[in-house]
Structure formats: structure tokens, C-alpha cells
Amino acid sequence: MKRTPMLVLALAVLAAAYSSACTGGKGTAAGPDAAEEAGHVEAPAGTVVLTPEAVAGGGIAVEPVRTSETARTIKALGELELDPRRMAVVSARSSGRLERLSAYAGDRVAAGAVLAEITSPEYLAAQMEVLQAAARAERLAGGPDEAAARSFLEAARRKLAPFGPAPAEIDALIASGQAGRHLAVRAPIAGIILESKALAGAFVADGAELLTIGDLSTLRARVHLIEKDLASVKPGLAAAVSTQAYPGRTFAGHLVLVGASMDTATRTVEGRIELANYDGALKPGMYVEARLAAAERRPTLTVPVSAVQEFAGGRIVFVRTGASSFVLRPVETGETSDGRIEILSGLAEGEAVVTAGGFLLKSELMKASLGDEHGHD
């Protein structure tokens, strides 16, 4: 028989041993001399019997199954989006010609930065009114009409304020006595230009939207909480968010909102997670998986994560049944927390599971299956 078909058959035999172990059936020992080493007692299918020297040399370590207080982890899928509280629309405060546009989509801007300049007759007229009122107030200072002149100046300043200049800028205007030609359009917040809606040289109307700015240093994930988890979630829960773009990396956040209504089609409620994005790695629109740490803890059977292995399409552990004998045991697992994994079925408290050296045991099972195949040639 050729090597490749023999290996395939060996894998089939090994899978059959696993299947027998799943159903609690009995079979021949995995090793060809297992029955002799076990005193001619038939061992369960999937059993490996080693010499004491092999146990020591293979670095096999065991640890008992024990009960641990495990925090429940709630999983939810969703997508990233901008936080509308960290967005701003920059609009024209007066009609006029857009003389200069200095920021475009993708640019990062600081709060207060000049993004555009508009030539505005209304703005020029408002400045001139302030200058005239200031000159009149200065001329009438100390006279009987001083109070009226001061009141007129304050009214002129209030008319200029909606165009955007700060009080200090109006003071500077009065001190210089020179009106500016252009109305500066400034960034109300720091962030990134998400959209530019105007071109230099165009005429813009009063209130026309010019740019949209978003602060992406903090985003929110809109996730879908399933009905059975609602009793365990509340605002304030810590969240770990992962994306397909960055395997193995998680982003810390916290749940800030649980929706007030349920989507009857999906049986989910919207949840919002706020998370930091200081390095800009996260992008609005990305799909995410969030893990929420529920407040309650419950006692569960757990083993170290290293004890559980993937095998034949399922999860297994090796249980020590004697000083140097081990049996494959299929298990059903649950949540992982603090380096330990929850065991839902397949083990009992106090059983000793292999936490290191499991690869050697799987190799021995494979060799036993190959040996059986040679015996049938």
C-alpha cells in the first residue's frame, strides 16, 4: 500500500477513535502495546500510554479542573460611525464671493484656523458702522451725550458679532481704524475635513454650507444587542472592540447607551459604545465585534486555555487516567477570561487535564493508528 492512502486511512482510524470517545464507546488502546502496559485491561478509545521517561521527557504537565468565578462576556456585532457631538458644519456667515479656500477634504485643521475668506459687502458695512460709532463715542467723551454715544457703539458691536469676530478682534478693529476686506471663516472645532462643498471664486449665500469637520479622535460603535443579553447590559460596561483590519488588536471603550426600542425583525436593541481613536487607525464604516464585560460573575468549571486543542472539527482535552496514561476527551467550551476557558460539558471538577505536551499525545495517537494499518497490510 502506498504511503499517502495509508496516511489517509490512519487519519480515518484516528477520527473513529475520537468518535468512539465522544460516545463513550470502548475500543483498542491507541498504542500497539497499550493493553500490555495497562495489564491486559482494555483501554478506552483514544487512550495513550507512555513510559514514565516519555512523560518526563515530553514536558507533559497537568492541572486539575476547578471551579472559578467567571465574568460573563457578551458579544455584539456592529459598525463604527462618527459621533455627531464631535462634528460641525462650517457655513458662510454672510453672502459674498468666496475669495480663498485653504482647507479641503482630508485636511486636518485646528480649532480657530482660517479655512476660507469671503468678500462680503454686509460685513464691510457692519465694520464701518462700528468704526463710525467708535469715533463718535471718542469725540463726545466727557460731554452730556457720552452715554448715548457709548450705547450706540455697543449696538454696532452687537451687529458685527454674528459675522464671527471675537470681542478682542473688534477691539483691534477699533484700535486700527481700518476695516478688513475679507470675512474670515474659521474652524469651530479641531478635526479632519470630511466634506468640502464649495469652490474658490464661487458666490455663496448667507448660511450656505461650505465644509464639514469631524473629530475622529473618539468614535462610537453602533452595535446590535440580542434580546437574551439585555438583562446583563447597562451603560458603563467596559468594552473591547476588534476589527478585521487589525487582527489581534483590541480597542478599549465603554457602553454609553442602550436603546429604548427593539427591532422586531432582528430582535435586537441598538447599543452605542464610545471608544478612543487617538492614532486614527479606526475608520467610520468599519465592521466591528464588541465584547462587553457583564457585571455579574458566576461559578463555572474552567481549565487553562492551553489545555484545550482543536481536533477532528471539535475541541478536546487530554485527561490523565493513570501515572502515565491519558485519554482524549471531547469538551464543549464557553467564555474565556483571565487565561482560563469555561467548560460547559465533558469534564468534572478535580479531573487532571494536560496543559502542556498535548501535541506529543496527539502524535502518539497518530503513530498508533499508523501501526495498526501496517499490521493489516
Protein backbone atom coordinates (compact mmCIF):
# COMPACT_ATOMS: atom_id res chain seq x y z
CA MET A 1 0.00 0.00 0.00
CA LYS A 2 1.31 3.47 -0.86
CA ARG A 3 2.19 5.97 1.84
CA THR A 4 -0.47 8.60 1.02
CA PRO A 5 -3.54 6.28 1.13
CA MET A 6 -2.17 4.72 4.29
CA LEU A 7 -1.93 8.14 5.95
CA VAL A 8 -5.47 8.96 4.90
CA LEU A 9 -6.68 5.68 6.37
CA ALA A 10 -4.73 6.39 9.55
CA LEU A 11 -6.49 9.71 9.87
CA ALA A 12 -9.80 7.93 9.42
CA VAL A 13 -8.91 5.45 12.17
CA LEU A 14 -7.92 8.30 14.46
CA ALA A 15 -11.17 10.10 13.74
CA ALA A 16 -13.04 6.89 14.52
CA ALA A 17 -11.24 6.71 17.87
CA TYR A 18 -12.31 10.29 18.54
CA SER A 19 -15.89 9.45 17.57
CA SER A 20 -15.85 6.47 19.94
CA ALA A 21 -14.59 8.69 22.73
CA CYS A 22 -17.39 11.16 22.03
CA THR A 23 -19.99 8.45 22.57
CA GLY A 24 -18.25 6.82 25.49
CA GLY A 25 -17.54 3.63 23.49
CA LYS A 26 -14.66 1.24 24.15
CA GLY A 27 -12.02 0.11 21.70
CA THR A 28 -8.43 -0.97 21.45
CA ALA A 29 -5.77 1.18 23.04
CA ALA A 30 -4.27 3.80 20.77
CA GLY A 31 -0.73 2.45 21.21
CA PRO A 32 0.02 -1.08 19.88
CA ASP A 33 1.36 -2.18 23.28
CA ALA A 34 -1.14 -0.21 25.35
CA ALA A 35 -3.07 -3.30 26.56
CA GLU A 36 0.14 -5.00 27.72
CA GLU A 37 1.35 -1.88 29.56
CA ALA A 38 -2.06 -1.48 31.15
CA GLY A 39 -2.06 -5.05 32.47
CA HIS A 40 -4.07 -6.50 29.57
CA VAL A 41 -7.05 -4.32 30.55
CA GLU A 42 -8.85 -2.91 27.53
CA ALA A 43 -8.36 0.89 27.48
CA PRO A 44 -10.92 3.41 26.22
CA ALA A 45 -10.61 4.50 22.61
CA GLY A 46 -8.30 7.47 22.25
CA THR A 47 -6.01 6.39 25.14
CA VAL A 48 -2.27 6.98 25.06
CA VAL A 49 0.02 5.08 27.44
CA LEU A 50 3.58 6.35 27.77
CA THR A 51 6.60 5.26 29.73
CA PRO A 52 7.48 7.39 32.75
CA GLU A 53 10.58 8.53 30.85
CA ALA A 54 8.46 9.68 27.91
CA VAL A 55 6.15 11.60 30.27
CA ALA A 56 9.10 13.40 31.83
CA GLY A 57 10.92 13.99 28.55
CA GLY A 58 7.81 15.20 26.74
CA GLY A 59 7.29 18.06 29.16
CA ILE A 60 3.77 16.90 29.99
CA ALA A 61 2.12 18.97 32.71
CA VAL A 62 -1.34 18.54 34.20
CA GLU A 63 -3.67 20.69 36.25
CA PRO A 64 -6.98 19.83 37.92
CA VAL A 65 -10.28 21.12 36.60
CA ARG A 66 -11.58 23.66 39.09
CA THR A 67 -14.47 25.99 39.71
CA SER A 68 -13.77 29.66 39.03
CA GLU A 69 -15.75 32.86 39.29
CA THR A 70 -16.10 33.86 35.65
CA ALA A 71 -17.30 37.16 34.30
CA ARG A 72 -19.81 36.76 31.51
CA THR A 73 -18.76 38.21 28.17
CA ILE A 74 -21.47 39.49 25.85
CA LYS A 75 -20.69 39.63 22.14
CA ALA A 76 -22.29 42.09 19.76
CA LEU A 77 -21.69 42.95 16.11
CA GLY A 78 -21.94 46.42 14.65
CA GLU A 79 -20.23 49.18 12.73
CA LEU A 80 -18.20 52.28 13.51
CA GLU A 81 -19.64 55.72 12.96
CA LEU A 82 -18.86 59.34 13.69
CA ASP A 83 -20.11 60.83 16.92
CA PRO A 84 -22.45 63.67 15.85
CA ARG A 85 -21.49 65.53 19.03
CA ARG A 86 -17.96 65.76 17.58
CA MET A 87 -18.94 67.07 14.16
CA ALA A 88 -19.53 70.59 12.88
CA VAL A 89 -20.79 72.19 9.68
CA VAL A 90 -18.93 75.33 8.65
CA SER A 91 -21.27 77.75 6.90
CA ALA A 92 -21.00 81.22 5.41
CA ARG A 93 -21.99 83.95 7.89
CA SER A 94 -22.71 86.33 5.04
CA SER A 95 -23.32 86.22 1.31
CA GLY A 96 -20.46 87.16 -0.99
CA ARG A 97 -17.64 85.90 -3.17
CA LEU A 98 -15.54 83.03 -1.81
CA GLU A 99 -12.14 84.58 -2.43
CA ARG A 100 -9.97 81.86 -0.91
CA LEU A 101 -10.46 78.29 0.31
CA SER A 102 -7.50 76.95 2.30
CA ALA A 103 -8.78 73.58 3.53
CA TYR A 104 -10.08 70.60 1.61
CA ALA A 105 -11.44 67.11 2.31
CA GLY A 106 -8.90 65.04 4.24
CA ASP A 107 -7.04 68.03 5.72
CA ARG A 108 -6.54 68.15 9.47
CA VAL A 109 -7.33 71.56 10.99
CA ALA A 110 -7.02 73.18 14.39
CA ALA A 111 -9.84 74.94 16.19
CA GLY A 112 -9.94 78.60 15.15
CA ALA A 113 -7.93 78.06 11.96
CA VAL A 114 -8.97 80.21 8.99
CA LEU A 115 -10.49 77.89 6.40
CA ALA A 116 -11.80 80.42 3.87
CA GLU A 117 -12.27 84.12 3.19
CA ILE A 118 -15.37 85.80 1.78
CA THR A 119 -15.67 89.26 0.25
CA SER A 120 -18.88 90.49 1.89
CA PRO A 121 -20.46 93.94 1.45
CA GLU A 122 -22.60 93.34 4.54
CA TYR A 123 -19.55 92.56 6.65
CA LEU A 124 -17.73 95.65 5.37
CA ALA A 125 -20.77 97.82 6.17
CA ALA A 126 -21.00 96.41 9.71
CA GLN A 127 -17.32 97.16 10.32
CA MET A 128 -17.71 100.73 9.07
CA GLU A 129 -20.67 101.25 11.40
CA VAL A 130 -18.53 100.18 14.36
CA LEU A 131 -15.70 102.49 13.35
CA GLN A 132 -18.07 105.44 12.94
CA ALA A 133 -19.69 104.74 16.32
CA ALA A 134 -16.30 104.45 17.99
CA ALA A 135 -15.15 107.77 16.53
CA ARG A 136 -18.37 109.45 17.68
CA ALA A 137 -18.03 108.00 21.20
CA GLU A 138 -14.46 109.27 21.39
CA ARG A 139 -15.46 112.71 20.16
CA LEU A 140 -18.31 113.02 22.69
CA ALA A 141 -16.36 111.59 25.61
CA GLY A 142 -16.81 113.71 28.77
CA GLY A 143 -19.83 115.55 27.34
CA PRO A 144 -23.56 115.23 28.03
CA ASP A 145 -24.04 112.91 25.03
CA GLU A 146 -21.31 110.43 26.03
CA ALA A 147 -23.71 107.79 27.38
CA ALA A 148 -25.81 107.84 24.22
CA ALA A 149 -22.70 107.57 22.07
CA ARG A 150 -21.46 104.59 24.10
CA SER A 151 -24.83 102.91 23.78
CA PHE A 152 -24.74 103.42 20.00
CA LEU A 153 -21.23 101.86 19.88
CA GLU A 154 -22.35 98.81 21.83
CA ALA A 155 -25.29 98.35 19.46
CA ALA A 156 -22.91 98.49 16.48
CA ARG A 157 -20.61 95.90 18.09
CA ARG A 158 -23.58 93.57 18.61
CA LYS A 159 -24.50 93.88 14.92
CA LEU A 160 -20.95 92.91 13.93
CA ALA A 161 -20.68 89.93 16.32
CA PRO A 162 -22.82 87.49 14.22
CA PHE A 163 -20.22 87.69 11.46
CA GLY A 164 -17.84 85.82 13.74
CA PRO A 165 -15.19 88.19 15.14
CA ALA A 166 -14.36 87.77 18.82
CA PRO A 167 -14.61 90.82 21.16
CA ALA A 168 -10.82 91.14 21.09
CA GLU A 169 -10.89 91.28 17.28
CA ILE A 170 -13.49 94.07 17.37
CA ASP A 171 -11.28 95.96 19.85
CA ALA A 172 -8.38 95.55 17.40
CA LEU A 173 -10.58 96.86 14.57
CA ILE A 174 -11.40 99.99 16.57
CA ALA A 175 -7.76 100.49 17.56
CA SER A 176 -6.56 100.22 13.93
CA GLY A 177 -9.40 102.25 12.45
CA GLN A 178 -9.19 100.12 9.30
CA ALA A 179 -11.95 97.78 8.12
CA GLY A 180 -10.90 94.41 6.71
CA ARG A 181 -11.86 93.47 3.19
CA HIS A 182 -12.47 89.76 3.83
CA LEU A 183 -14.68 87.89 6.26
CA ALA A 184 -12.66 85.02 7.75
CA VAL A 185 -14.34 81.61 8.01
CA ARG A 186 -12.84 79.75 10.98
CA ALA A 187 -12.93 76.12 12.16
CA PRO A 188 -15.24 75.81 15.17
CA ILE A 189 -13.56 72.56 16.30
CA ALA A 190 -10.33 70.66 15.66
CA GLY A 191 -10.62 67.66 13.36
CA ILE A 192 -10.50 66.45 9.78
CA ILE A 193 -12.33 68.00 6.85
CA LEU A 194 -14.82 65.31 5.89
CA GLU A 195 -16.51 67.16 3.04
CA SER A 196 -15.91 70.31 1.01
CA LYS A 197 -18.99 71.77 -0.65
CA ALA A 198 -17.67 74.97 -2.25
CA LEU A 199 -15.01 76.17 -4.68
CA ALA A 200 -12.88 79.29 -4.56
CA GLY A 201 -14.32 82.07 -6.70
CA ALA A 202 -17.91 80.96 -6.30
CA PHE A 203 -20.67 83.18 -4.93
CA VAL A 204 -22.06 81.85 -1.67
CA ALA A 205 -25.32 82.74 0.01
CA ASP A 206 -25.69 83.63 3.66
CA GLY A 207 -25.85 80.34 5.61
CA ALA A 208 -24.51 78.18 2.74
CA GLU A 209 -22.68 75.05 3.94
CA LEU A 210 -19.01 75.19 2.99
CA LEU A 211 -17.27 72.37 4.88
CA THR A 212 -17.95 69.54 7.33
CA ILE A 213 -15.43 68.82 10.10
CA GLY A 214 -15.28 65.67 12.20
CA ASP A 215 -13.22 64.95 15.30
CA LEU A 216 -12.16 61.32 14.77
CA SER A 217 -10.14 61.04 17.98
CA THR A 218 -13.23 59.45 19.52
CA LEU A 219 -15.66 57.27 17.55
CA ARG A 220 -18.65 55.24 18.52
CA ALA A 221 -19.62 51.72 17.58
CA ARG A 222 -23.30 51.15 16.94
CA VAL A 223 -23.81 47.51 17.95
CA HIS A 224 -26.81 45.19 17.94
CA LEU A 225 -27.60 43.65 21.33
CA ILE A 226 -29.64 40.45 21.17
CA GLU A 227 -32.73 40.07 23.30
CA LYS A 228 -31.41 37.41 25.69
CA ASP A 229 -28.47 39.64 26.73
CA LEU A 230 -30.47 42.76 27.61
CA ALA A 231 -30.79 41.93 31.32
CA SER A 232 -26.98 41.88 31.61
CA VAL A 233 -26.11 45.11 29.80
CA LYS A 234 -26.24 48.65 31.06
CA PRO A 235 -24.40 51.90 30.30
CA GLY A 236 -20.92 51.99 31.76
CA LEU A 237 -19.87 48.43 30.93
CA ALA A 238 -16.30 48.08 29.67
CA ALA A 239 -15.99 47.00 26.05
CA ALA A 240 -13.21 45.55 23.90
CA VAL A 241 -13.73 46.19 20.19
CA SER A 242 -11.95 44.33 17.38
CA THR A 243 -11.95 44.73 13.59
CA GLN A 244 -10.96 42.61 10.63
CA ALA A 245 -8.46 45.28 9.63
CA TYR A 246 -6.29 44.75 12.74
CA PRO A 247 -6.29 41.05 13.75
CA GLY A 248 -5.22 40.52 17.33
CA ARG A 249 -5.66 44.17 18.32
CA THR A 250 -8.49 45.40 20.51
CA PHE A 251 -9.66 48.93 21.19
CA ALA A 252 -10.94 49.83 24.65
CA GLY A 253 -14.24 51.60 25.11
CA HIS A 254 -17.39 51.64 27.20
CA LEU A 255 -21.10 51.31 26.59
CA VAL A 256 -22.78 54.73 26.74
CA LEU A 257 -26.31 53.92 25.61
CA VAL A 258 -28.79 51.03 25.42
CA GLY A 259 -31.64 51.81 23.04
CA ALA A 260 -35.21 52.25 24.20
CA SER A 261 -36.86 50.13 21.50
CA MET A 262 -36.34 46.76 19.85
CA ASP A 263 -36.06 46.00 16.16
CA THR A 264 -38.81 43.42 15.81
CA ALA A 265 -37.29 41.98 12.63
CA THR A 266 -33.87 41.18 14.14
CA ARG A 267 -34.90 41.01 17.83
CA THR A 268 -32.03 43.33 18.70
CA VAL A 269 -31.65 46.62 20.52
CA GLU A 270 -29.15 49.25 19.48
CA GLY A 271 -26.22 49.89 21.78
CA ARG A 272 -23.60 52.61 21.47
CA ILE A 273 -20.00 52.14 22.52
CA GLU A 274 -17.66 55.12 22.76
CA LEU A 275 -14.00 54.37 22.10
CA ALA A 276 -10.78 56.32 21.71
CA ASN A 277 -9.11 56.53 18.29
CA TYR A 278 -6.03 58.58 19.06
CA ASP A 279 -3.85 57.13 16.29
CA GLY A 280 -6.61 57.27 13.66
CA ALA A 281 -6.49 53.53 12.97
CA LEU A 282 -10.26 53.16 13.18
CA LYS A 283 -12.38 54.42 10.30
CA PRO A 284 -16.10 55.19 10.27
CA GLY A 285 -17.96 52.42 8.45
CA MET A 286 -15.73 49.56 9.62
CA TYR A 287 -17.50 46.41 10.84
CA VAL A 288 -16.62 45.52 14.42
CA GLU A 289 -17.14 42.84 17.04
CA ALA A 290 -17.56 44.10 20.59
CA ARG A 291 -17.13 42.13 23.80
CA LEU A 292 -18.87 43.59 26.83
CA ALA A 293 -17.83 42.53 30.32
CA ALA A 294 -21.10 41.95 32.19
CA ALA A 295 -21.15 42.97 35.83
CA GLU A 296 -22.26 39.64 37.27
CA ARG A 297 -19.83 36.74 37.87
CA ARG A 298 -20.87 33.13 38.11
CA PRO A 299 -19.16 29.90 39.24
CA THR A 300 -18.14 27.69 36.32
CA LEU A 301 -15.77 24.80 35.65
CA THR A 302 -12.62 26.10 33.98
CA VAL A 303 -9.25 24.89 32.70
CA PRO A 304 -6.25 26.81 31.38
CA VAL A 305 -6.68 27.89 27.77
CA SER A 306 -3.60 25.79 26.87
CA ALA A 307 -5.45 22.60 27.83
CA VAL A 308 -7.98 22.86 25.01
CA GLN A 309 -6.99 21.78 21.49
CA GLU A 310 -8.72 21.74 18.13
CA PHE A 311 -9.12 18.19 16.79
CA ALA A 312 -11.29 16.49 14.16
CA GLY A 313 -13.54 19.53 13.86
CA GLY A 314 -14.14 19.88 17.59
CA ARG A 315 -12.43 20.77 20.85
CA ILE A 316 -10.72 18.20 23.04
CA VAL A 317 -8.56 17.88 26.12
CA PHE A 318 -6.38 15.03 27.34
CA VAL A 319 -7.33 13.70 30.78
CA ARG A 320 -4.77 11.82 32.87
CA THR A 321 -6.21 8.44 33.85
CA GLY A 322 -3.08 6.96 35.41
CA ALA A 323 0.51 7.79 36.22
CA SER A 324 1.42 7.70 32.53
CA SER A 325 -1.86 7.13 30.70
CA PHE A 326 -4.04 9.80 29.10
CA VAL A 327 -7.35 9.71 27.29
CA LEU A 328 -8.74 12.07 24.67
CA ARG A 329 -11.94 13.76 25.88
CA PRO A 330 -14.22 15.95 23.74
CA VAL A 331 -15.45 19.09 25.52
CA GLU A 332 -17.83 21.96 24.94
CA THR A 333 -16.35 25.32 25.85
CA GLY A 334 -17.75 28.70 26.77
CA GLU A 335 -16.28 32.07 27.69
CA THR A 336 -12.58 32.84 28.11
CA SER A 337 -11.43 35.05 30.99
CA ASP A 338 -8.07 35.68 32.68
CA GLY A 339 -6.31 32.89 30.77
CA ARG A 340 -8.92 30.23 31.61
CA ILE A 341 -11.72 28.83 29.49
CA GLU A 342 -15.15 27.73 30.65
CA ILE A 343 -16.04 24.05 30.27
CA LEU A 344 -19.75 23.54 29.61
CA SER A 345 -19.61 19.75 29.29
CA GLY A 346 -17.15 16.86 29.10
CA LEU A 347 -15.22 17.27 32.36
CA ALA A 348 -15.79 17.03 36.10
CA GLU A 349 -14.19 19.07 38.85
CA GLY A 350 -10.91 17.58 40.04
CA GLU A 351 -10.05 15.67 36.86
CA ALA A 352 -6.45 16.26 35.79
CA VAL A 353 -6.11 17.72 32.29
CA VAL A 354 -2.93 18.09 30.26
CA THR A 355 -1.87 21.74 30.00
CA ALA A 356 1.47 21.16 28.25
CA GLY A 357 2.65 18.35 25.98
CA GLY A 358 -0.69 17.72 24.31
CA PHE A 359 0.92 17.74 20.88
CA LEU A 360 3.02 14.72 21.89
CA LEU A 361 -0.11 12.82 22.89
CA LYS A 362 -1.80 13.58 19.58
CA SER A 363 1.33 12.42 17.79
CA GLU A 364 1.27 9.15 19.74
CA LEU A 365 -2.35 8.57 18.73
CA MET A 366 -1.37 9.12 15.10
CA LYS A 367 1.57 6.71 15.34
CA ALA A 368 -0.68 4.09 16.93
CA SER A 369 -3.14 4.38 14.05
CA LEU A 370 -0.34 4.04 11.51
CA GLY A 371 0.97 0.99 13.37
CA ASP A 372 -2.44 -0.65 13.23
CA GLU A 373 -2.58 -0.02 9.49
CA HIS A 374 0.84 -1.68 8.96
CA GLY A 375 -0.43 -4.67 10.89
CA HIS A 376 -3.29 -5.11 8.41
CA ASP A 377 -1.11 -4.90 5.27
